[in-house]
C-alpha atoms as a PDB file:
ATOM      1  CA  UNK A   1       0.080  -0.289  -0.182  1.00  0.00           C
ATOM      2  CA  UNK A   2       3.035   2.347   1.096  1.00  0.00           C
ATOM      3  CA  UNK A   3       6.434   2.252   0.236  1.00  0.00           C
ATOM      4  CA  UNK A   4       8.859   1.453   2.613  1.00  0.00           C
ATOM      5  CA  UNK A   5       9.966   4.162   4.878  1.00  0.00           C
ATOM      6  CA  UNK A   6      12.938   2.931   5.807  1.00  0.00           C
ATOM      7  CA  UNK A   7      14.387   3.307   2.229  1.00  0.00           C
ATOM      8  CA  UNK A   8      12.870   6.209   0.812  1.00  0.00           C
ATOM      9  CA  UNK A   9      12.143   8.288   4.191  1.00  0.00           C
ATOM     10  CA  UNK A  10      13.389  11.583   4.897  1.00  0.00           C
ATOM     11  CA  UNK A  11      12.373  15.153   5.544  1.00  0.00           C
ATOM     12  CA  UNK A  12       9.607  16.314   2.794  1.00  0.00           C
ATOM     13  CA  UNK A  13       9.179  12.598   1.267  1.00  0.00           C
ATOM     14  CA  UNK A  14       5.467  11.744   0.756  1.00  0.00           C
ATOM     15  CA  UNK A  15       6.303   8.893   3.287  1.00  0.00           C
ATOM     16  CA  UNK A  16       7.388  11.114   6.028  1.00  0.00           C
ATOM     17  CA  UNK A  17       3.942  12.877   5.377  1.00  0.00           C
ATOM     18  CA  UNK A  18       2.276   9.678   5.363  1.00  0.00           C
ATOM     19  CA  UNK A  19       3.401   8.166   8.728  1.00  0.00           C
ATOM     20  CA  UNK A  20       2.283  11.751  10.147  1.00  0.00           C
ATOM     21  CA  UNK A  21      -1.020  11.357   8.852  1.00  0.00           C
ATOM     22  CA  UNK A  22      -1.483   7.472   9.933  1.00  0.00           C
ATOM     23  CA  UNK A  23      -0.221   7.821  13.256  1.00  0.00           C
ATOM     24  CA  UNK A  24      -3.367   7.204  14.939  1.00  0.00           C
ATOM     25  CA  UNK A  25      -2.954   4.066  13.499  1.00  0.00           C
ATOM     26  CA  UNK A  26       0.266   3.597  16.058  1.00  0.00           C
ATOM     27  CA  UNK A  27      -1.902   5.350  19.076  1.00  0.00           C
ATOM     28  CA  UNK A  28      -4.727   2.962  18.639  1.00  0.00           C
ATOM     29  CA  UNK A  29      -2.987   0.027  18.371  1.00  0.00           C
ATOM     30  CA  UNK A  30      -0.725   0.834  21.425  1.00  0.00           C
ATOM     31  CA  UNK A  31      -4.079   1.548  23.157  1.00  0.00           C
ATOM     32  CA  UNK A  32      -5.633  -2.224  22.523  1.00  0.00           C
ATOM     33  CA  UNK A  33      -2.618  -3.622  23.742  1.00  0.00           C
ATOM     34  CA  UNK A  34      -2.657  -1.584  26.821  1.00  0.00           C
ATOM     35  CA  UNK A  35      -6.482  -2.241  27.473  1.00  0.00           C
ATOM     36  CA  UNK A  36      -5.985  -6.025  26.694  1.00  0.00           C
ATOM     37  CA  UNK A  37      -3.085  -6.125  29.486  1.00  0.00           C
ATOM     38  CA  UNK A  38      -0.750  -7.906  27.053  1.00  0.00           C
ATOM     39  CA  UNK A  39       2.139  -6.791  28.695  1.00  0.00           C
ATOM     40  CA  UNK A  40       0.709  -8.262  31.917  1.00  0.00           C
ATOM     41  CA  UNK A  41      -0.039 -11.498  30.221  1.00  0.00           C
ATOM     42  CA  UNK A  42       3.516 -11.782  28.690  1.00  0.00           C
ATOM     43  CA  UNK A  43       4.904 -10.713  31.804  1.00  0.00           C
ATOM     44  CA  UNK A  44       3.157 -13.673  33.716  1.00  0.00           C
ATOM     45  CA  UNK A  45       4.165 -16.057  31.197  1.00  0.00           C
ATOM     46  CA  UNK A  46       1.740 -15.956  28.435  1.00  0.00           C
ATOM     47  CA  UNK A  47       4.382 -15.319  25.361  1.00  0.00           C
ATOM     48  CA  UNK A  48       2.392 -17.590  22.846  1.00  0.00           C
ATOM     49  CA  UNK A  49      -0.039 -16.060  20.752  1.00  0.00           C
ATOM     50  CA  UNK A  50      -2.296 -18.859  20.968  1.00  0.00           C
ATOM     51  CA  UNK A  51      -2.072 -18.194  24.634  1.00  0.00           C
ATOM     52  CA  UNK A  52      -2.346 -14.279  24.665  1.00  0.00           C
ATOM     53  CA  UNK A  53      -5.456 -14.765  22.598  1.00  0.00           C
ATOM     54  CA  UNK A  54      -7.219 -16.834  25.292  1.00  0.00           C
ATOM     55  CA  UNK A  55      -6.071 -14.848  28.128  1.00  0.00           C
ATOM     56  CA  UNK A  56      -7.342 -11.696  26.356  1.00  0.00           C
ATOM     57  CA  UNK A  57     -10.867 -13.515  24.902  1.00  0.00           C
ATOM     58  CA  UNK A  58      -9.660 -11.962  21.369  1.00  0.00           C
ATOM     59  CA  UNK A  59      -9.270 -13.923  17.578  1.00  0.00           C
ATOM     60  CA  UNK A  60      -5.762 -15.595  17.717  1.00  0.00           C
ATOM     61  CA  UNK A  61      -5.292 -14.263  13.953  1.00  0.00           C
ATOM     62  CA  UNK A  62      -6.203 -10.768  14.589  1.00  0.00           C
ATOM     63  CA  UNK A  63      -4.321 -10.467  17.570  1.00  0.00           C
ATOM     64  CA  UNK A  64      -1.018 -11.810  15.988  1.00  0.00           C
ATOM     65  CA  UNK A  65      -1.754  -8.968  12.957  1.00  0.00           C
ATOM     66  CA  UNK A  66      -1.614  -6.353  15.983  1.00  0.00           C
ATOM     67  CA  UNK A  67       1.245  -7.756  17.593  1.00  0.00           C
ATOM     68  CA  UNK A  68       3.157  -7.869  14.378  1.00  0.00           C
ATOM     69  CA  UNK A  69       2.707  -4.389  13.576  1.00  0.00           C
ATOM     70  CA  UNK A  70       3.638  -3.414  17.125  1.00  0.00           C
ATOM     71  CA  UNK A  71       6.840  -5.579  16.913  1.00  0.00           C
ATOM     72  CA  UNK A  72       7.907  -3.827  13.609  1.00  0.00           C
ATOM     73  CA  UNK A  73       7.954  -0.410  15.644  1.00  0.00           C
ATOM     74  CA  UNK A  74       9.741  -1.839  18.659  1.00  0.00           C
ATOM     75  CA  UNK A  75       6.908  -2.161  21.451  1.00  0.00           C
ATOM     76  CA  UNK A  76       7.225  -6.122  21.513  1.00  0.00           C
ATOM     77  CA  UNK A  77       9.805  -8.802  20.605  1.00  0.00           C
ATOM     78  CA  UNK A  78       9.292 -11.673  18.870  1.00  0.00           C
ATOM     79  CA  UNK A  79      12.313 -13.909  19.542  1.00  0.00           C
ATOM     80  CA  UNK A  80      10.718 -16.718  17.342  1.00  0.00           C
ATOM     81  CA  UNK A  81       7.628 -16.951  15.529  1.00  0.00           C
ATOM     82  CA  UNK A  82       4.336 -16.600  17.635  1.00  0.00           C
ATOM     83  CA  UNK A  83       6.599 -16.337  20.623  1.00  0.00           C
ATOM     84  CA  UNK A  84       6.263 -12.617  22.181  1.00  0.00           C
ATOM     85  CA  UNK A  85       8.402 -10.498  24.587  1.00  0.00           C
ATOM     86  CA  UNK A  86       8.727  -7.089  26.313  1.00  0.00           C
ATOM     87  CA  UNK A  87      11.149  -4.727  25.288  1.00  0.00           C
ATOM     88  CA  UNK A  88      11.662  -1.565  27.156  1.00  0.00           C
ATOM     89  CA  UNK A  89       8.886   0.549  25.979  1.00  0.00           C
ATOM     90  CA  UNK A  90       6.113  -2.614  26.282  1.00  0.00           C
ATOM     91  CA  UNK A  91       7.286  -2.890  29.725  1.00  0.00           C
ATOM     92  CA  UNK A  92       6.104   0.527  30.339  1.00  0.00           C
ATOM     93  CA  UNK A  93       2.704  -0.535  29.860  1.00  0.00           C
ATOM     94  CA  UNK A  94       2.223  -3.065  32.722  1.00  0.00           C
ATOM     95  CA  UNK A  95       0.130  -2.659  35.352  1.00  0.00           C
ATOM     96  CA  UNK A  96       1.385  -1.498  38.886  1.00  0.00           C
ATOM     97  CA  UNK A  97       4.591  -0.810  38.125  1.00  0.00           C
ATOM     98  CA  UNK A  98       6.447   2.484  39.374  1.00  0.00           C
ATOM     99  CA  UNK A  99       6.615   3.802  35.711  1.00  0.00           C
ATOM    100  CA  UNK A 100       3.718   2.516  34.217  1.00  0.00           C
ATOM    101  CA  UNK A 101       2.102   4.178  31.475  1.00  0.00           C
ATOM    102  CA  UNK A 102      -0.835   1.966  30.807  1.00  0.00           C
ATOM    103  CA  UNK A 103      -3.544   4.263  32.131  1.00  0.00           C
ATOM    104  CA  UNK A 104      -2.156   6.813  30.199  1.00  0.00           C
ATOM    105  CA  UNK A 105      -2.339   4.914  26.575  1.00  0.00           C
ATOM    106  CA  UNK A 106      -5.825   4.261  27.609  1.00  0.00           C
ATOM    107  CA  UNK A 107      -6.900   7.383  28.672  1.00  0.00           C
ATOM    108  CA  UNK A 108      -5.480   9.459  25.656  1.00  0.00           C
ATOM    109  CA  UNK A 109      -6.963   6.521  23.461  1.00  0.00           C
ATOM    110  CA  UNK A 110     -10.920   6.420  24.662  1.00  0.00           C
ATOM    111  CA  UNK A 111     -12.793   9.813  25.046  1.00  0.00           C
ATOM    112  CA  UNK A 112     -10.089  12.013  24.642  1.00  0.00           C
ATOM    113  CA  UNK A 113      -9.191  10.283  21.290  1.00  0.00           C
ATOM    114  CA  UNK A 114     -12.889  10.772  19.916  1.00  0.00           C
ATOM    115  CA  UNK A 115     -12.676  14.579  21.053  1.00  0.00           C
ATOM    116  CA  UNK A 116      -9.802  14.970  18.791  1.00  0.00           C
ATOM    117  CA  UNK A 117     -11.749  14.071  15.939  1.00  0.00           C
ATOM    118  CA  UNK A 118     -13.442  17.214  16.211  1.00  0.00           C
ATOM    119  CA  UNK A 119     -10.164  18.982  16.171  1.00  0.00           C
ATOM    120  CA  UNK A 120     -11.780  21.018  13.401  1.00  0.00           C
ATOM    121  CA  UNK A 121     -14.433  22.148  15.785  1.00  0.00           C
ATOM    122  CA  UNK A 122     -12.104  23.912  18.189  1.00  0.00           C
ATOM    123  CA  UNK A 123     -10.173  25.600  15.571  1.00  0.00           C
ATOM    124  CA  UNK A 124     -12.873  26.997  13.963  1.00  0.00           C
ATOM    125  CA  UNK A 125     -14.653  27.975  17.336  1.00  0.00           C
ATOM    126  CA  UNK A 126     -11.725  28.034  19.964  1.00  0.00           C
ATOM    127  CA  UNK A 127     -14.299  25.999  22.024  1.00  0.00           C
ATOM    128  CA  UNK A 128     -13.414  22.332  23.246  1.00  0.00           C
ATOM    129  CA  UNK A 129     -14.308  19.994  20.830  1.00  0.00           C
ATOM    130  CA  UNK A 130     -14.736  17.554  24.086  1.00  0.00           C
ATOM    131  CA  UNK A 131     -17.698  19.442  25.094  1.00  0.00           C
ATOM    132  CA  UNK A 132     -19.058  19.837  21.595  1.00  0.00           C
ATOM    133  CA  UNK A 133     -18.446  15.961  21.294  1.00  0.00           C
ATOM    134  CA  UNK A 134     -19.751  14.719  24.630  1.00  0.00           C
ATOM    135  CA  UNK A 135     -22.378  17.798  25.736  1.00  0.00           C
ATOM    136  CA  UNK A 136     -20.281  18.757  28.642  1.00  0.00           C
ATOM    137  CA  UNK A 137     -17.098  19.702  29.777  1.00  0.00           C
ATOM    138  CA  UNK A 138     -14.414  16.939  30.688  1.00  0.00           C
ATOM    139  CA  UNK A 139     -14.102  17.479  34.676  1.00  0.00           C
ATOM    140  CA  UNK A 140     -18.470  17.273  34.756  1.00  0.00           C
ATOM    141  CA  UNK A 141     -18.150  14.218  32.478  1.00  0.00           C
ATOM    142  CA  UNK A 142     -15.747  12.652  34.731  1.00  0.00           C
ATOM    143  CA  UNK A 143     -18.272  13.551  38.119  1.00  0.00           C
ATOM    144  CA  UNK A 144     -20.974  11.643  36.106  1.00  0.00           C
ATOM    145  CA  UNK A 145     -18.523   8.764  34.791  1.00  0.00           C
ATOM    146  CA  UNK A 146     -16.492   7.088  37.474  1.00  0.00           C
ATOM    147  CA  UNK A 147     -14.560   4.673  35.129  1.00  0.00           C
ATOM    148  CA  UNK A 148     -13.097   7.364  32.948  1.00  0.00           C
ATOM    149  CA  UNK A 149     -12.300   9.480  35.968  1.00  0.00           C
ATOM    150  CA  UNK A 150     -10.806   6.583  37.547  1.00  0.00           C
ATOM    151  CA  UNK A 151      -8.417   6.012  34.519  1.00  0.00           C
ATOM    152  CA  UNK A 152      -7.647   9.685  34.278  1.00  0.00           C
ATOM    153  CA  UNK A 153      -6.654   9.363  38.302  1.00  0.00           C
ATOM    154  CA  UNK A 154      -4.343   6.593  37.376  1.00  0.00           C
ATOM    155  CA  UNK A 155      -2.854   7.828  34.182  1.00  0.00           C
ATOM    156  CA  UNK A 156      -2.355  11.669  35.975  1.00  0.00           C
ATOM    157  CA  UNK A 157      -0.673   9.778  39.164  1.00  0.00           C
ATOM    158  CA  UNK A 158       1.431   8.192  36.309  1.00  0.00           C
ATOM    159  CA  UNK A 159       2.433  11.454  35.059  1.00  0.00           C
ATOM    160  CA  UNK A 160       3.268  12.934  38.213  1.00  0.00           C
ATOM    161  CA  UNK A 161       5.436   9.883  39.060  1.00  0.00           C
ATOM    162  CA  UNK A 162       7.548  10.369  36.134  1.00  0.00           C
ATOM    163  CA  UNK A 163       7.593  14.489  37.107  1.00  0.00           C
ATOM    164  CA  UNK A 164       8.361  14.398  40.702  1.00  0.00           C
ATOM    165  CA  UNK A 165      11.372  13.007  40.654  1.00  0.00           C
ATOM    166  CA  UNK A 166      12.626  15.535  38.284  1.00  0.00           C
ATOM    167  CA  UNK A 167      11.006  18.329  40.515  1.00  0.00           C
ATOM    168  CA  UNK A 168      12.620  17.227  43.794  1.00  0.00           C
ATOM    169  CA  UNK A 169      16.211  17.191  42.049  1.00  0.00           C
ATOM    170  CA  UNK A 170      15.629  20.552  40.683  1.00  0.00           C
ATOM    171  CA  UNK A 171      14.461  22.362  43.678  1.00  0.00           C
ATOM    172  CA  UNK A 172      15.703  22.839  47.174  1.00  0.00           C
ATOM    173  CA  UNK A 173      12.355  22.377  49.770  1.00  0.00           C
ATOM    174  CA  UNK A 174      14.380  21.971  52.753  1.00  0.00           C
ATOM    175  CA  UNK A 175      14.064  25.543  53.754  1.00  0.00           C
ATOM    176  CA  UNK A 176      10.221  25.078  53.896  1.00  0.00           C
ATOM    177  CA  UNK A 177       8.405  23.993  56.974  1.00  0.00           C
ATOM    178  CA  UNK A 178       4.732  23.460  55.443  1.00  0.00           C
ATOM    179  CA  UNK A 179       4.112  22.522  51.647  1.00  0.00           C
ATOM    180  CA  UNK A 180       0.581  22.856  50.531  1.00  0.00           C
ATOM    181  CA  UNK A 181      -0.269  20.922  47.124  1.00  0.00           C
ATOM    182  CA  UNK A 182      -2.883  22.740  45.197  1.00  0.00           C
ATOM    183  CA  UNK A 183      -4.793  20.322  43.040  1.00  0.00           C
ATOM    184  CA  UNK A 184      -2.577  17.636  44.258  1.00  0.00           C
ATOM    185  CA  UNK A 185      -4.875  14.430  43.346  1.00  0.00           C
ATOM    186  CA  UNK A 186      -3.568  11.446  45.810  1.00  0.00           C
ATOM    187  CA  UNK A 187      -0.249  13.297  47.005  1.00  0.00           C
ATOM    188  CA  UNK A 188       2.148  11.397  44.501  1.00  0.00           C
ATOM    189  CA  UNK A 189       4.431  14.916  44.400  1.00  0.00           C
ATOM    190  CA  UNK A 190       3.888  16.111  47.684  1.00  0.00           C
ATOM    191  CA  UNK A 191       4.760  12.760  48.988  1.00  0.00           C
ATOM    192  CA  UNK A 192       8.083  12.709  46.978  1.00  0.00           C
ATOM    193  CA  UNK A 193       8.807  16.250  48.433  1.00  0.00           C
ATOM    194  CA  UNK A 194       8.347  15.024  52.018  1.00  0.00           C
ATOM    195  CA  UNK A 195      10.223  11.894  51.613  1.00  0.00           C
ATOM    196  CA  UNK A 196      13.164  14.064  50.589  1.00  0.00           C
ATOM    197  CA  UNK A 197      12.680  16.534  53.612  1.00  0.00           C
ATOM    198  CA  UNK A 198      11.679  14.591  56.929  1.00  0.00           C
ATOM    199  CA  UNK A 199      11.200  17.802  58.630  1.00  0.00           C
ATOM    200  CA  UNK A 200       8.759  19.187  56.369  1.00  0.00           C
ATOM    201  CA  UNK A 201       5.107  18.935  56.824  1.00  0.00           C
ATOM    202  CA  UNK A 202       2.368  18.657  53.890  1.00  0.00           C
ATOM    203  CA  UNK A 203      -1.118  19.624  53.064  1.00  0.00           C
ATOM    204  CA  UNK A 204      -2.900  17.931  50.323  1.00  0.00           C
ATOM    205  CA  UNK A 205      -5.655  20.028  48.539  1.00  0.00           C
ATOM    206  CA  UNK A 206      -8.166  19.170  45.917  1.00  0.00           C
ATOM    207  CA  UNK A 207     -11.723  17.865  45.287  1.00  0.00           C
ATOM    208  CA  UNK A 208     -13.355  16.261  47.879  1.00  0.00           C
ATOM    209  CA  UNK A 209     -14.100  12.913  45.614  1.00  0.00           C
ATOM    210  CA  UNK A 210     -10.420  13.299  44.675  1.00  0.00           C
ATOM    211  CA  UNK A 211      -9.079  13.721  47.989  1.00  0.00           C
ATOM    212  CA  UNK A 212     -11.097  10.706  49.148  1.00  0.00           C
ATOM    213  CA  UNK A 213      -8.557   8.365  47.398  1.00  0.00           C
ATOM    214  CA  UNK A 214      -5.539  10.118  48.772  1.00  0.00           C
ATOM    215  CA  UNK A 215      -4.939   8.643  52.382  1.00  0.00           C
ATOM    216  CA  UNK A 216      -4.312   4.996  51.300  1.00  0.00           C
ATOM    217  CA  UNK A 217      -1.797   6.236  49.061  1.00  0.00           C
ATOM    218  CA  UNK A 218      -0.045   9.060  51.644  1.00  0.00           C
ATOM    219  CA  UNK A 219       0.071   6.184  54.088  1.00  0.00           C
ATOM    220  CA  UNK A 220       1.678   3.653  51.315  1.00  0.00           C
ATOM    221  CA  UNK A 221       4.816   6.279  50.869  1.00  0.00           C
ATOM    222  CA  UNK A 222       5.744   6.587  54.562  1.00  0.00           C
ATOM    223  CA  UNK A 223       4.190  10.502  54.713  1.00  0.00           C
ATOM    224  CA  UNK A 224       1.012   9.995  56.289  1.00  0.00           C
ATOM    225  CA  UNK A 225       1.854  11.252  59.845  1.00  0.00           C
ATOM    226  CA  UNK A 226       3.241  14.507  58.088  1.00  0.00           C
ATOM    227  CA  UNK A 227       0.480  15.319  55.814  1.00  0.00           C
ATOM    228  CA  UNK A 228      -3.100  16.776  55.969  1.00  0.00           C
ATOM    229  CA  UNK A 229      -5.446  15.896  53.080  1.00  0.00           C
ATOM    230  CA  UNK A 230      -8.365  18.814  52.718  1.00  0.00           C
ATOM    231  CA  UNK A 231     -11.176  18.627  50.307  1.00  0.00           C
ATOM    232  CA  UNK A 232     -12.576  22.054  48.941  1.00  0.00           C
ATOM    233  CA  UNK A 233     -12.666  24.059  45.393  1.00  0.00           C
ATOM    234  CA  UNK A 234      -9.462  26.091  45.024  1.00  0.00           C
ATOM    235  CA  UNK A 235     -11.847  28.601  43.140  1.00  0.00           C
ATOM    236  CA  UNK A 236     -13.120  29.636  46.473  1.00  0.00           C
ATOM    237  CA  UNK A 237     -10.576  29.202  48.745  1.00  0.00           C
ATOM    238  CA  UNK A 238      -7.131  26.889  49.248  1.00  0.00           C
ATOM    239  CA  UNK A 239      -6.065  26.169  52.685  1.00  0.00           C
ATOM    240  CA  UNK A 240      -3.879  29.066  54.464  1.00  0.00           C
ATOM    241  CA  UNK A 241      -0.592  28.343  56.602  1.00  0.00           C
ATOM    242  CA  UNK A 242       1.923  27.272  54.185  1.00  0.00           C
ATOM    243  CA  UNK A 243       5.075  29.071  53.230  1.00  0.00           C
ATOM    244  CA  UNK A 244       5.281  27.236  49.906  1.00  0.00           C
ATOM    245  CA  UNK A 245       2.277  26.916  47.583  1.00  0.00           C
ATOM    246  CA  UNK A 246       2.938  24.005  44.777  1.00  0.00           C
ATOM    247  CA  UNK A 247       0.606  23.458  41.627  1.00  0.00           C
ATOM    248  CA  UNK A 248       1.593  21.152  38.990  1.00  0.00           C
ATOM    249  CA  UNK A 249      -0.282  20.455  35.790  1.00  0.00           C
ATOM    250  CA  UNK A 250      -3.228  22.710  37.077  1.00  0.00           C
ATOM    251  CA  UNK A 251      -3.133  25.987  35.533  1.00  0.00           C
ATOM    252  CA  UNK A 252      -2.857  25.028  32.184  1.00  0.00           C
ATOM    253  CA  UNK A 253      -6.438  23.397  32.576  1.00  0.00           C
ATOM    254  CA  UNK A 254      -7.974  26.698  32.677  1.00  0.00           C
ATOM    255  CA  UNK A 255      -8.187  30.041  30.703  1.00  0.00           C
ATOM    256  CA  UNK A 256      -6.445  33.187  32.136  1.00  0.00           C
ATOM    257  CA  UNK A 257      -9.536  34.540  33.979  1.00  0.00           C
ATOM    258  CA  UNK A 258      -9.861  31.413  35.809  1.00  0.00           C
ATOM    259  CA  UNK A 259      -5.933  30.820  36.111  1.00  0.00           C
ATOM    260  CA  UNK A 260      -5.809  34.351  37.769  1.00  0.00           C
ATOM    261  CA  UNK A 261      -8.860  33.812  39.894  1.00  0.00           C
ATOM    262  CA  UNK A 262      -6.757  30.336  41.760  1.00  0.00           C
ATOM    263  CA  UNK A 263      -3.641  32.403  41.832  1.00  0.00           C
ATOM    264  CA  UNK A 264      -5.377  34.950  44.055  1.00  0.00           C
ATOM    265  CA  UNK A 265      -6.500  32.450  46.358  1.00  0.00           C
ATOM    266  CA  UNK A 266      -2.967  31.262  46.975  1.00  0.00           C
ATOM    267  CA  UNK A 267      -1.820  34.700  47.208  1.00  0.00           C
ATOM    268  CA  UNK A 268      -4.343  34.987  50.153  1.00  0.00           C
ATOM    269  CA  UNK A 269      -3.384  32.030  52.006  1.00  0.00           C
ATOM    270  CA  UNK A 270       0.150  32.367  51.430  1.00  0.00           C
ATOM    271  CA  UNK A 271       2.513  33.271  54.597  1.00  0.00           C
ATOM    272  CA  UNK A 272       4.283  36.670  54.404  1.00  0.00           C
ATOM    273  CA  UNK A 273       7.566  35.855  52.765  1.00  0.00           C
ATOM    274  CA  UNK A 274       6.484  32.520  51.148  1.00  0.00           C
ATOM    275  CA  UNK A 275       6.831  31.245  47.635  1.00  0.00           C
ATOM    276  CA  UNK A 276       4.903  29.925  45.009  1.00  0.00           C
ATOM    277  CA  UNK A 277       5.996  27.298  42.782  1.00  0.00           C
ATOM    278  CA  UNK A 278       4.050  26.296  39.058  1.00  0.00           C
ATOM    279  CA  UNK A 279       4.966  23.162  37.385  1.00  0.00           C
ATOM    280  CA  UNK A 280       4.223  23.122  33.780  1.00  0.00           C
ATOM    281  CA  UNK A 281       5.738  22.845  30.521  1.00  0.00           C
ATOM    282  CA  UNK A 282       6.668  25.881  29.702  1.00  0.00           C
ATOM    283  CA  UNK A 283       6.622  26.845  26.031  1.00  0.00           C
ATOM    284  CA  UNK A 284      10.150  27.831  24.744  1.00  0.00           C
ATOM    285  CA  UNK A 285      10.893  30.668  22.015  1.00  0.00           C
ATOM    286  CA  UNK A 286      11.460  28.991  18.503  1.00  0.00           C
ATOM    287  CA  UNK A 287       9.988  26.938  16.034  1.00  0.00           C
ATOM    288  CA  UNK A 288      11.970  23.642  17.782  1.00  0.00           C
ATOM    289  CA  UNK A 289      10.059  20.771  18.357  1.00  0.00           C
ATOM    290  CA  UNK A 290       8.624  20.708  22.196  1.00  0.00           C
ATOM    291  CA  UNK A 291       5.992  17.967  23.046  1.00  0.00           C
ATOM    292  CA  UNK A 292       4.194  20.954  25.047  1.00  0.00           C
ATOM    293  CA  UNK A 293       3.237  22.796  21.860  1.00  0.00           C
ATOM    294  CA  UNK A 294       1.303  19.633  21.135  1.00  0.00           C
ATOM    295  CA  UNK A 295       0.046  19.350  24.572  1.00  0.00           C
ATOM    296  CA  UNK A 296      -0.998  22.764  24.451  1.00  0.00           C
ATOM    297  CA  UNK A 297      -2.993  21.875  20.966  1.00  0.00           C
ATOM    298  CA  UNK A 298      -4.610  19.028  23.263  1.00  0.00           C
ATOM    299  CA  UNK A 299      -6.097  21.272  25.772  1.00  0.00           C
ATOM    300  CA  UNK A 300      -7.361  23.273  23.204  1.00  0.00           C
ATOM    301  CA  UNK A 301      -9.558  20.125  22.119  1.00  0.00           C
ATOM    302  CA  UNK A 302     -10.140  19.105  26.165  1.00  0.00           C
ATOM    303  CA  UNK A 303     -10.872  22.176  27.972  1.00  0.00           C
ATOM    304  CA  UNK A 304     -10.210  25.865  28.168  1.00  0.00           C
ATOM    305  CA  UNK A 305      -6.583  26.324  28.916  1.00  0.00           C
ATOM    306  CA  UNK A 306      -3.377  26.140  27.376  1.00  0.00           C
ATOM    307  CA  UNK A 307       0.098  25.884  27.171  1.00  0.00           C
ATOM    308  CA  UNK A 308       2.065  29.120  28.323  1.00  0.00           C
ATOM    309  CA  UNK A 309       5.625  31.085  27.846  1.00  0.00           C
ATOM    310  CA  UNK A 310       7.239  32.539  30.637  1.00  0.00           C
ATOM    311  CA  UNK A 311       6.226  35.675  29.684  1.00  0.00           C
ATOM    312  CA  UNK A 312       2.380  34.754  29.735  1.00  0.00           C
ATOM    313  CA  UNK A 313       2.894  33.311  33.122  1.00  0.00           C
ATOM    314  CA  UNK A 314       4.325  36.539  34.165  1.00  0.00           C
ATOM    315  CA  UNK A 315       1.207  38.390  33.123  1.00  0.00           C
ATOM    316  CA  UNK A 316      -0.952  35.548  34.915  1.00  0.00           C
ATOM    317  CA  UNK A 317       1.177  35.899  38.373  1.00  0.00           C
ATOM    318  CA  UNK A 318       1.401  39.900  38.087  1.00  0.00           C
ATOM    319  CA  UNK A 319      -2.255  40.088  37.642  1.00  0.00           C
ATOM    320  CA  UNK A 320      -2.505  38.141  41.075  1.00  0.00           C
ATOM    321  CA  UNK A 321      -0.196  40.230  42.511  1.00  0.00           C
ATOM    322  CA  UNK A 322       2.910  38.020  42.482  1.00  0.00           C
ATOM    323  CA  UNK A 323       6.310  38.553  40.720  1.00  0.00           C
ATOM    324  CA  UNK A 324       7.987  35.479  38.904  1.00  0.00           C
ATOM    325  CA  UNK A 325      11.587  35.157  39.790  1.00  0.00           C
ATOM    326  CA  UNK A 326      12.705  32.164  37.887  1.00  0.00           C
ATOM    327  CA  UNK A 327      12.060  29.247  35.698  1.00  0.00           C
ATOM    328  CA  UNK A 328      14.106  26.087  36.155  1.00  0.00           C
ATOM    329  CA  UNK A 329      13.803  23.474  33.646  1.00  0.00           C
ATOM    330  CA  UNK A 330      13.631  20.091  35.119  1.00  0.00           C
ATOM    331  CA  UNK A 331      14.815  16.857  33.346  1.00  0.00           C
ATOM    332  CA  UNK A 332      11.230  15.633  32.592  1.00  0.00           C
ATOM    333  CA  UNK A 333      10.512  18.315  30.297  1.00  0.00           C
ATOM    334  CA  UNK A 334       8.589  20.560  32.541  1.00  0.00           C
ATOM    335  CA  UNK A 335       9.919  23.845  34.338  1.00  0.00           C
ATOM    336  CA  UNK A 336       9.264  25.227  37.663  1.00  0.00           C
ATOM    337  CA  UNK A 337       7.985  28.750  37.908  1.00  0.00           C
ATOM    338  CA  UNK A 338       8.970  30.135  40.788  1.00  0.00           C
ATOM    339  CA  UNK A 339       7.060  33.531  42.360  1.00  0.00           C
ATOM    340  CA  UNK A 340       6.679  35.442  45.444  1.00  0.00           C
END
């Protein structure tokens, strides 16, 4: 159907464009493998294609065709015909591992995939395609649909697992006595901060239905005795008393007006002399490749938010009576925007 990309591909060639246009083939194939738990079954010993078909209740020939395609791009390996193994890529699709990306693979390719099919609507109107497709905003949809809400929570925890180590390596939290994680979900980032800083206490803040699942996670991380978890709405108020407030991957969900509203709540709650950290993919200058440029487009499709430049964060912060003092890149690609 198409030429072999290995022999003729290059910038500007028809095959290069073809690979871009059919990129959803790869994302959906990875999704099916993740949804079926193929990596878990292989790790448990079901390496034969027939055993995998039995374990996943799928058509053996169709599953073999899926795996053949995924082997060709390095997702799985095939040492002998019909015997499949894990690669470093497919190992990330296992369940329950510290670096698991399985929930992310599922999240991006169910409701969010359907919303991307209506990207044209968002570009024409400036409004979220998700709301146009499903008849309600994404967070309202999650409140009414527990299964995708759970997948979203697991996916965000997985994302934060990868981010947390980079954040604690890039910023010295030791001078601060109380860290407030605003919109911190189950506390993955806050737990990483507290583990590295045994003299520091934490306050975890998120919606009541989200925070309900935090106690077990904080206990498992060994920081429950130094962390209070509080439910609420950051558009109304955030817990007072912290000398450091952290928001990771929160502001990119919202438009400028609502970002300023959240920041003003933090300004009111922050102790005198305290600091605010915003962890986001800060858009760099220039036209080079950067994942945040695609995540920005994703936010156009999903919600009212966006990724921003350092100058745009400075404007938001000034509107909430903060001063941007430093932008610190991290090894995970996100940056730490510091403000006082």
